[in-house]
């Protein structure tokens, strides 16, 4: 499983040549100016919630790649209204097996509305099981005790957690989340993009390390493998 960071909360995940993009927000992100949207390939796109900093490039990229869009029912209905036909609706607690592996939609504590004000349904995180690896993509969320259920019933190899604070949980709560999930390998997301969520990278990495957790803050465009 290969993971590429496109900035903010946008990631590409590649499993056995199948490409999945999470929360496409690239062109409006000044920090991601090195990323060319037209060069991104996707067989699937997974959307955690409706806010613009997670959906800004969704429709354009879906049309460009002909990817299947996976999200909650309300977002999928909105996507369909924009002319996108390859879709798969899910909702919190549900799972489905695709050709690359299994996705389970899990609880996230946040809000959700589409860029035009349309109701965006429940926000979600996702657990992806593929190629004998388990990835937890938390989406935008606060720290919740629901995460303990993930740690109890899943063997998560890598967690992608928001750490920027203000709109989501911050560094301290994300460390607790890693403990709840029982996962010591974390990639940070939802930081630095806007002034209220800028962080001190060295302090963040040290804080996680002091609790026995390895935090990776990827450079935009960087790819890692698990």
C-alpha atoms as a PDB file:
ATOM      1  CA  UNK A   1       0.000   0.000   0.000  1.00  0.00           C
ATOM      2  CA  UNK A   2       1.493   3.330  -1.129  1.00  0.00           C
ATOM      3  CA  UNK A   3       0.328   6.665   0.280  1.00  0.00           C
ATOM      4  CA  UNK A   4       0.928  10.035  -1.395  1.00  0.00           C
ATOM      5  CA  UNK A   5       0.211  13.338   0.325  1.00  0.00           C
ATOM      6  CA  UNK A   6      -1.425  16.042  -1.800  1.00  0.00           C
ATOM      7  CA  UNK A   7      -1.780  18.577   1.013  1.00  0.00           C
ATOM      8  CA  UNK A   8      -4.288  19.388   3.770  1.00  0.00           C
ATOM      9  CA  UNK A   9      -6.372  16.186   4.089  1.00  0.00           C
ATOM     10  CA  UNK A  10      -5.979  14.952   0.526  1.00  0.00           C
ATOM     11  CA  UNK A  11      -4.156  11.662   0.024  1.00  0.00           C
ATOM     12  CA  UNK A  12      -3.682   9.168  -2.754  1.00  0.00           C
ATOM     13  CA  UNK A  13      -3.614   5.505  -1.760  1.00  0.00           C
ATOM     14  CA  UNK A  14      -2.440   2.878  -4.232  1.00  0.00           C
ATOM     15  CA  UNK A  15      -3.247  -0.794  -3.720  1.00  0.00           C
ATOM     16  CA  UNK A  16      -2.157  -3.300  -6.362  1.00  0.00           C
ATOM     17  CA  UNK A  17      -2.276  -0.645  -9.115  1.00  0.00           C
ATOM     18  CA  UNK A  18      -5.726   0.590  -8.016  1.00  0.00           C
ATOM     19  CA  UNK A  19      -5.650   4.272  -7.089  1.00  0.00           C
ATOM     20  CA  UNK A  20      -7.856   5.889  -4.443  1.00  0.00           C
ATOM     21  CA  UNK A  21      -7.982   9.623  -3.675  1.00  0.00           C
ATOM     22  CA  UNK A  22      -9.287  10.919  -0.351  1.00  0.00           C
ATOM     23  CA  UNK A  23     -10.904  14.345   0.078  1.00  0.00           C
ATOM     24  CA  UNK A  24      -9.716  16.156  -3.082  1.00  0.00           C
ATOM     25  CA  UNK A  25      -8.735  19.701  -2.177  1.00  0.00           C
ATOM     26  CA  UNK A  26      -5.728  20.729  -4.256  1.00  0.00           C
ATOM     27  CA  UNK A  27      -6.214  23.670  -6.613  1.00  0.00           C
ATOM     28  CA  UNK A  28      -7.419  26.176  -3.963  1.00  0.00           C
ATOM     29  CA  UNK A  29      -4.607  25.144  -1.595  1.00  0.00           C
ATOM     30  CA  UNK A  30      -1.650  27.499  -2.090  1.00  0.00           C
ATOM     31  CA  UNK A  31       0.625  25.046  -0.290  1.00  0.00           C
ATOM     32  CA  UNK A  32      -0.149  22.419  -2.950  1.00  0.00           C
ATOM     33  CA  UNK A  33       0.806  24.570  -5.946  1.00  0.00           C
ATOM     34  CA  UNK A  34       3.378  21.951  -6.998  1.00  0.00           C
ATOM     35  CA  UNK A  35       0.598  19.399  -7.578  1.00  0.00           C
ATOM     36  CA  UNK A  36      -0.967  19.317 -11.043  1.00  0.00           C
ATOM     37  CA  UNK A  37      -4.563  18.119 -10.774  1.00  0.00           C
ATOM     38  CA  UNK A  38      -4.585  16.931 -14.389  1.00  0.00           C
ATOM     39  CA  UNK A  39      -1.811  14.453 -13.581  1.00  0.00           C
ATOM     40  CA  UNK A  40      -3.669  12.762 -10.730  1.00  0.00           C
ATOM     41  CA  UNK A  41      -5.096   9.332 -11.488  1.00  0.00           C
ATOM     42  CA  UNK A  42      -7.970   7.809  -9.545  1.00  0.00           C
ATOM     43  CA  UNK A  43     -10.124   4.705  -9.795  1.00  0.00           C
ATOM     44  CA  UNK A  44     -12.014   5.679  -6.633  1.00  0.00           C
ATOM     45  CA  UNK A  45     -12.506   8.841  -4.602  1.00  0.00           C
ATOM     46  CA  UNK A  46     -13.507   8.713  -0.952  1.00  0.00           C
ATOM     47  CA  UNK A  47     -15.102  11.778   0.633  1.00  0.00           C
ATOM     48  CA  UNK A  48     -15.310  12.127   4.431  1.00  0.00           C
ATOM     49  CA  UNK A  49     -17.672  15.119   4.517  1.00  0.00           C
ATOM     50  CA  UNK A  50     -18.905  18.015   2.447  1.00  0.00           C
ATOM     51  CA  UNK A  51     -16.800  21.027   3.427  1.00  0.00           C
ATOM     52  CA  UNK A  52     -15.069  22.817   0.578  1.00  0.00           C
ATOM     53  CA  UNK A  53     -11.590  22.045   1.889  1.00  0.00           C
ATOM     54  CA  UNK A  54     -12.413  18.377   1.240  1.00  0.00           C
ATOM     55  CA  UNK A  55     -14.497  18.601  -1.934  1.00  0.00           C
ATOM     56  CA  UNK A  56     -13.236  21.584  -3.940  1.00  0.00           C
ATOM     57  CA  UNK A  57     -11.806  19.413  -6.734  1.00  0.00           C
ATOM     58  CA  UNK A  58     -14.228  16.516  -6.360  1.00  0.00           C
ATOM     59  CA  UNK A  59     -16.437  17.076  -9.390  1.00  0.00           C
ATOM     60  CA  UNK A  60     -13.619  18.114 -11.723  1.00  0.00           C
ATOM     61  CA  UNK A  61     -11.453  15.168 -10.738  1.00  0.00           C
ATOM     62  CA  UNK A  62     -14.356  12.726 -10.970  1.00  0.00           C
ATOM     63  CA  UNK A  63     -15.040  13.864 -14.526  1.00  0.00           C
ATOM     64  CA  UNK A  64     -11.349  13.808 -15.398  1.00  0.00           C
ATOM     65  CA  UNK A  65     -10.667  10.308 -14.072  1.00  0.00           C
ATOM     66  CA  UNK A  66     -14.097   8.621 -14.311  1.00  0.00           C
ATOM     67  CA  UNK A  67     -13.482   7.430 -10.761  1.00  0.00           C
ATOM     68  CA  UNK A  68     -16.209   5.932  -8.600  1.00  0.00           C
ATOM     69  CA  UNK A  69     -17.081   8.354  -5.778  1.00  0.00           C
ATOM     70  CA  UNK A  70     -17.635   6.795  -2.340  1.00  0.00           C
ATOM     71  CA  UNK A  71     -19.279   8.826   0.405  1.00  0.00           C
ATOM     72  CA  UNK A  72     -22.418   9.138   2.506  1.00  0.00           C
ATOM     73  CA  UNK A  73     -25.853   9.138   0.905  1.00  0.00           C
ATOM     74  CA  UNK A  74     -26.362  12.914   0.972  1.00  0.00           C
ATOM     75  CA  UNK A  75     -23.009  13.726  -0.637  1.00  0.00           C
ATOM     76  CA  UNK A  76     -23.557  11.044  -3.272  1.00  0.00           C
ATOM     77  CA  UNK A  77     -26.945  12.563  -4.163  1.00  0.00           C
ATOM     78  CA  UNK A  78     -25.236  15.960  -4.521  1.00  0.00           C
ATOM     79  CA  UNK A  79     -22.498  14.426  -6.675  1.00  0.00           C
ATOM     80  CA  UNK A  80     -25.115  12.793  -8.896  1.00  0.00           C
ATOM     81  CA  UNK A  81     -26.832  16.180  -9.324  1.00  0.00           C
ATOM     82  CA  UNK A  82     -23.538  17.439 -10.800  1.00  0.00           C
ATOM     83  CA  UNK A  83     -23.604  14.777 -13.511  1.00  0.00           C
ATOM     84  CA  UNK A  84     -21.392  12.149 -11.880  1.00  0.00           C
ATOM     85  CA  UNK A  85     -22.823   8.670 -12.432  1.00  0.00           C
ATOM     86  CA  UNK A  86     -20.176   6.331 -11.002  1.00  0.00           C
ATOM     87  CA  UNK A  87     -20.968   6.461  -7.298  1.00  0.00           C
ATOM     88  CA  UNK A  88     -21.329   4.277  -4.240  1.00  0.00           C
ATOM     89  CA  UNK A  89     -23.304   5.555  -1.245  1.00  0.00           C
ATOM     90  CA  UNK A  90     -22.511   4.390   2.287  1.00  0.00           C
ATOM     91  CA  UNK A  91     -23.308   5.529   5.808  1.00  0.00           C
ATOM     92  CA  UNK A  92     -21.899   5.305   9.319  1.00  0.00           C
ATOM     93  CA  UNK A  93     -21.225   1.748  10.455  1.00  0.00           C
ATOM     94  CA  UNK A  94     -21.583   0.182   7.021  1.00  0.00           C
ATOM     95  CA  UNK A  95     -18.884  -1.674   5.123  1.00  0.00           C
ATOM     96  CA  UNK A  96     -18.505  -2.840   1.544  1.00  0.00           C
ATOM     97  CA  UNK A  97     -15.962  -4.919  -0.347  1.00  0.00           C
ATOM     98  CA  UNK A  98     -14.596  -3.373  -3.537  1.00  0.00           C
ATOM     99  CA  UNK A  99     -12.080  -4.846  -5.971  1.00  0.00           C
ATOM    100  CA  UNK A 100      -9.162  -3.389  -3.966  1.00  0.00           C
ATOM    101  CA  UNK A 101     -10.390  -4.396  -0.487  1.00  0.00           C
ATOM    102  CA  UNK A 102     -12.952  -3.453   2.137  1.00  0.00           C
ATOM    103  CA  UNK A 103     -14.005  -0.009   3.356  1.00  0.00           C
ATOM    104  CA  UNK A 104     -15.918   0.567   6.577  1.00  0.00           C
ATOM    105  CA  UNK A 105     -17.527   3.919   7.307  1.00  0.00           C
ATOM    106  CA  UNK A 106     -16.999   4.945  10.947  1.00  0.00           C
ATOM    107  CA  UNK A 107     -18.063   7.767  13.252  1.00  0.00           C
ATOM    108  CA  UNK A 108     -16.475  11.219  13.048  1.00  0.00           C
ATOM    109  CA  UNK A 109     -17.457  14.138  15.290  1.00  0.00           C
ATOM    110  CA  UNK A 110     -17.651  17.169  13.017  1.00  0.00           C
ATOM    111  CA  UNK A 111     -20.154  19.050  10.822  1.00  0.00           C
ATOM    112  CA  UNK A 112     -20.892  18.655   7.120  1.00  0.00           C
ATOM    113  CA  UNK A 113     -22.342  20.878   4.413  1.00  0.00           C
ATOM    114  CA  UNK A 114     -21.513  21.166   0.724  1.00  0.00           C
ATOM    115  CA  UNK A 115     -19.914  24.306  -0.782  1.00  0.00           C
ATOM    116  CA  UNK A 116     -23.305  25.542  -2.037  1.00  0.00           C
ATOM    117  CA  UNK A 117     -24.891  25.118   1.414  1.00  0.00           C
ATOM    118  CA  UNK A 118     -26.535  21.779   0.684  1.00  0.00           C
ATOM    119  CA  UNK A 119     -26.839  19.469   3.693  1.00  0.00           C
ATOM    120  CA  UNK A 120     -23.882  17.092   3.678  1.00  0.00           C
ATOM    121  CA  UNK A 121     -25.125  14.288   5.918  1.00  0.00           C
ATOM    122  CA  UNK A 122     -23.025  12.691   8.649  1.00  0.00           C
ATOM    123  CA  UNK A 123     -19.251  13.176   8.533  1.00  0.00           C
ATOM    124  CA  UNK A 124     -17.315   9.917   8.565  1.00  0.00           C
ATOM    125  CA  UNK A 125     -13.914   8.357   8.864  1.00  0.00           C
ATOM    126  CA  UNK A 126     -12.976   5.201   6.990  1.00  0.00           C
ATOM    127  CA  UNK A 127     -11.179   1.954   7.766  1.00  0.00           C
ATOM    128  CA  UNK A 128      -9.599   0.436   4.668  1.00  0.00           C
ATOM    129  CA  UNK A 129      -8.449  -3.177   4.615  1.00  0.00           C
ATOM    130  CA  UNK A 130      -6.401  -4.087   1.575  1.00  0.00           C
ATOM    131  CA  UNK A 131      -3.359  -6.191   0.745  1.00  0.00           C
ATOM    132  CA  UNK A 132      -3.114  -7.467   4.352  1.00  0.00           C
ATOM    133  CA  UNK A 133      -2.876  -3.917   5.718  1.00  0.00           C
ATOM    134  CA  UNK A 134      -5.378  -1.819   7.667  1.00  0.00           C
ATOM    135  CA  UNK A 135      -5.492   1.960   7.273  1.00  0.00           C
ATOM    136  CA  UNK A 136      -7.642   4.324   9.341  1.00  0.00           C
ATOM    137  CA  UNK A 137      -8.435   7.649   7.684  1.00  0.00           C
ATOM    138  CA  UNK A 138     -10.126   9.673  10.421  1.00  0.00           C
ATOM    139  CA  UNK A 139     -11.478  12.568   8.357  1.00  0.00           C
ATOM    140  CA  UNK A 140     -12.193  15.768  10.268  1.00  0.00           C
ATOM    141  CA  UNK A 141     -13.028  14.770  13.808  1.00  0.00           C
ATOM    142  CA  UNK A 142     -12.757  15.554  17.463  1.00  0.00           C
ATOM    143  CA  UNK A 143     -11.380  13.007  19.898  1.00  0.00           C
ATOM    144  CA  UNK A 144     -14.167  10.546  20.698  1.00  0.00           C
ATOM    145  CA  UNK A 145     -14.465   7.409  22.792  1.00  0.00           C
ATOM    146  CA  UNK A 146     -15.812   5.700  19.645  1.00  0.00           C
ATOM    147  CA  UNK A 147     -12.160   5.364  18.622  1.00  0.00           C
ATOM    148  CA  UNK A 148     -11.698   2.810  21.403  1.00  0.00           C
ATOM    149  CA  UNK A 149     -13.923   0.452  19.419  1.00  0.00           C
ATOM    150  CA  UNK A 150     -11.495   0.655  16.512  1.00  0.00           C
ATOM    151  CA  UNK A 151      -8.629  -0.266  18.822  1.00  0.00           C
ATOM    152  CA  UNK A 152     -10.632  -3.131  20.280  1.00  0.00           C
ATOM    153  CA  UNK A 153     -11.790  -4.736  17.056  1.00  0.00           C
ATOM    154  CA  UNK A 154      -9.247  -3.710  14.404  1.00  0.00           C
ATOM    155  CA  UNK A 155      -5.479  -4.122  14.024  1.00  0.00           C
ATOM    156  CA  UNK A 156      -4.633  -0.773  12.472  1.00  0.00           C
ATOM    157  CA  UNK A 157      -1.216  -0.522  10.798  1.00  0.00           C
ATOM    158  CA  UNK A 158      -1.400   3.211  10.104  1.00  0.00           C
ATOM    159  CA  UNK A 159      -3.713   6.036  11.163  1.00  0.00           C
ATOM    160  CA  UNK A 160      -4.144   9.319   9.318  1.00  0.00           C
ATOM    161  CA  UNK A 161      -5.299  11.808  11.940  1.00  0.00           C
ATOM    162  CA  UNK A 162      -6.106  15.542  11.942  1.00  0.00           C
ATOM    163  CA  UNK A 163      -3.717  17.446  14.228  1.00  0.00           C
ATOM    164  CA  UNK A 164      -4.222  21.136  13.419  1.00  0.00           C
ATOM    165  CA  UNK A 165      -6.645  21.978  16.247  1.00  0.00           C
ATOM    166  CA  UNK A 166      -9.268  24.776  16.015  1.00  0.00           C
ATOM    167  CA  UNK A 167     -11.518  22.911  13.504  1.00  0.00           C
ATOM    168  CA  UNK A 168     -10.558  19.363  14.564  1.00  0.00           C
ATOM    169  CA  UNK A 169      -8.675  17.699  17.368  1.00  0.00           C
ATOM    170  CA  UNK A 170      -5.192  19.031  17.986  1.00  0.00           C
ATOM    171  CA  UNK A 171      -1.899  17.378  18.811  1.00  0.00           C
ATOM    172  CA  UNK A 172      -2.668  16.360  22.392  1.00  0.00           C
ATOM    173  CA  UNK A 173      -6.040  14.856  21.547  1.00  0.00           C
ATOM    174  CA  UNK A 174      -4.589  13.115  18.484  1.00  0.00           C
ATOM    175  CA  UNK A 175      -2.018  11.433  20.728  1.00  0.00           C
ATOM    176  CA  UNK A 176      -4.860  10.149  22.901  1.00  0.00           C
ATOM    177  CA  UNK A 177      -6.675   9.039  19.743  1.00  0.00           C
ATOM    178  CA  UNK A 178      -3.628   7.022  18.667  1.00  0.00           C
ATOM    179  CA  UNK A 179      -3.728   5.324  22.069  1.00  0.00           C
ATOM    180  CA  UNK A 180      -7.451   4.603  21.760  1.00  0.00           C
ATOM    181  CA  UNK A 181      -6.902   3.146  18.278  1.00  0.00           C
ATOM    182  CA  UNK A 182      -3.871   1.228  19.555  1.00  0.00           C
ATOM    183  CA  UNK A 183      -1.781   2.392  16.616  1.00  0.00           C
ATOM    184  CA  UNK A 184       1.718   3.800  17.027  1.00  0.00           C
ATOM    185  CA  UNK A 185       2.182   4.857  13.388  1.00  0.00           C
ATOM    186  CA  UNK A 186       0.442   8.122  12.503  1.00  0.00           C
ATOM    187  CA  UNK A 187       0.442  10.460   9.522  1.00  0.00           C
ATOM    188  CA  UNK A 188      -0.784  13.954  10.350  1.00  0.00           C
ATOM    189  CA  UNK A 189      -3.301  15.867   8.264  1.00  0.00           C
ATOM    190  CA  UNK A 190      -5.420  19.030   8.381  1.00  0.00           C
ATOM    191  CA  UNK A 191      -2.590  21.305   9.521  1.00  0.00           C
ATOM    192  CA  UNK A 192      -0.743  24.408   8.218  1.00  0.00           C
ATOM    193  CA  UNK A 193      -3.195  25.153   5.378  1.00  0.00           C
ATOM    194  CA  UNK A 194      -4.835  28.110   7.132  1.00  0.00           C
ATOM    195  CA  UNK A 195      -3.470  30.411   9.881  1.00  0.00           C
ATOM    196  CA  UNK A 196      -5.617  28.931  12.705  1.00  0.00           C
ATOM    197  CA  UNK A 197      -4.236  25.423  12.083  1.00  0.00           C
ATOM    198  CA  UNK A 198      -0.525  26.131  11.674  1.00  0.00           C
ATOM    199  CA  UNK A 199       1.622  23.962  13.929  1.00  0.00           C
ATOM    200  CA  UNK A 200       5.221  23.673  15.089  1.00  0.00           C
ATOM    201  CA  UNK A 201       6.374  20.505  13.322  1.00  0.00           C
ATOM    202  CA  UNK A 202       9.247  19.709  15.656  1.00  0.00           C
ATOM    203  CA  UNK A 203       7.113  20.147  18.772  1.00  0.00           C
ATOM    204  CA  UNK A 204       4.390  17.958  17.306  1.00  0.00           C
ATOM    205  CA  UNK A 205       6.768  15.143  16.392  1.00  0.00           C
ATOM    206  CA  UNK A 206       8.424  15.332  19.816  1.00  0.00           C
ATOM    207  CA  UNK A 207       5.082  15.301  21.642  1.00  0.00           C
ATOM    208  CA  UNK A 208       4.018  12.139  19.826  1.00  0.00           C
ATOM    209  CA  UNK A 209       7.430  10.523  20.330  1.00  0.00           C
ATOM    210  CA  UNK A 210       7.252  11.189  24.074  1.00  0.00           C
ATOM    211  CA  UNK A 211       4.114   9.036  24.151  1.00  0.00           C
ATOM    212  CA  UNK A 212       5.650   6.262  22.058  1.00  0.00           C
ATOM    213  CA  UNK A 213       3.960   7.222  18.785  1.00  0.00           C
ATOM    214  CA  UNK A 214       5.754   7.878  15.490  1.00  0.00           C
ATOM    215  CA  UNK A 215       4.238  10.928  13.768  1.00  0.00           C
ATOM    216  CA  UNK A 216       5.033  11.538  10.107  1.00  0.00           C
ATOM    217  CA  UNK A 217       4.423  14.990   8.663  1.00  0.00           C
ATOM    218  CA  UNK A 218       4.752  14.344   4.959  1.00  0.00           C
ATOM    219  CA  UNK A 219       5.879  16.939   2.467  1.00  0.00           C
ATOM    220  CA  UNK A 220       3.313  17.675  -0.207  1.00  0.00           C
ATOM    221  CA  UNK A 221       3.958  15.251  -3.045  1.00  0.00           C
ATOM    222  CA  UNK A 222       5.808  12.761  -0.819  1.00  0.00           C
ATOM    223  CA  UNK A 223       4.989   9.043  -1.068  1.00  0.00           C
ATOM    224  CA  UNK A 224       5.472   6.426   1.651  1.00  0.00           C
ATOM    225  CA  UNK A 225       4.703   2.711   1.763  1.00  0.00           C
ATOM    226  CA  UNK A 226       3.237   0.480   4.458  1.00  0.00           C
END
